[in-house]
Amino acid sequence: MSNNVLGIVVAFAVGLIVGLLIAWFYLRQRIREHETNAHSLQISLNEKEGRLQNLQTRLREREASLEQLRGQASQKEESIRDLAAQLEERDSQIMKMKPHEPDNLRRIEGIGPKISSVLQAAGITTFAQLAATDVSRLKQIITEAGLAALADPSTWPEQAGLAAAGKWDALGVLQDELKGGRRM
């Protein structure tokens, strides 16, 4: 029996050693797989970090480029404003140099022959000039001429603006609402 027990103990010990060796090889293989996976993930992570840094660099470059373009656009807008002001000044000079045919200011409701001649004497000879003249200036002109009691110039620039633009139908509609140049 002692041989039997010894055989069983040896068989058990050999089985245990073989089982431990199999478990060790299996665990070693699993550790290698995990190390390989971890290494692959680290490489992938490094690549993604590199791409992210590249994208961040490109973004900073684009932002700098955009800021530069904004500055250029601002300069261009300022140049356009300057050119528009110069153009307006030249147009004004050309208009001053052109002889203007006087318009019939009596077509404006509230302006008769006397007031028309007073306005022409004050240098207002066209619908465009009348449209550009402030109502307070018009009141001053007719007051100085002693005609303030005869007229109310508050609608004259509006009427003259329509006449200057050639909007005769709209002028007619407006004048139908007026009596002596005053709104009813």
Foldseek 3Di string as FASTA:
>chain_A
DVVVVVVVVVVVVVVVVVVVVVVVVVVVVVVVVVVVVVVVVVVVVVVVVVVVVVVVVVVVVVVVVVVVVVVVVVVVVVVVVVVVVVVVVVVVVVVVVDDDDFDPLCVQQQDDPVLQVLCVVVVRRALQSQLPDDQVVSCVSCVVVVNNVRARCPCSNVLSVCVVVVVVVVSVVVVVQDHSNHGD
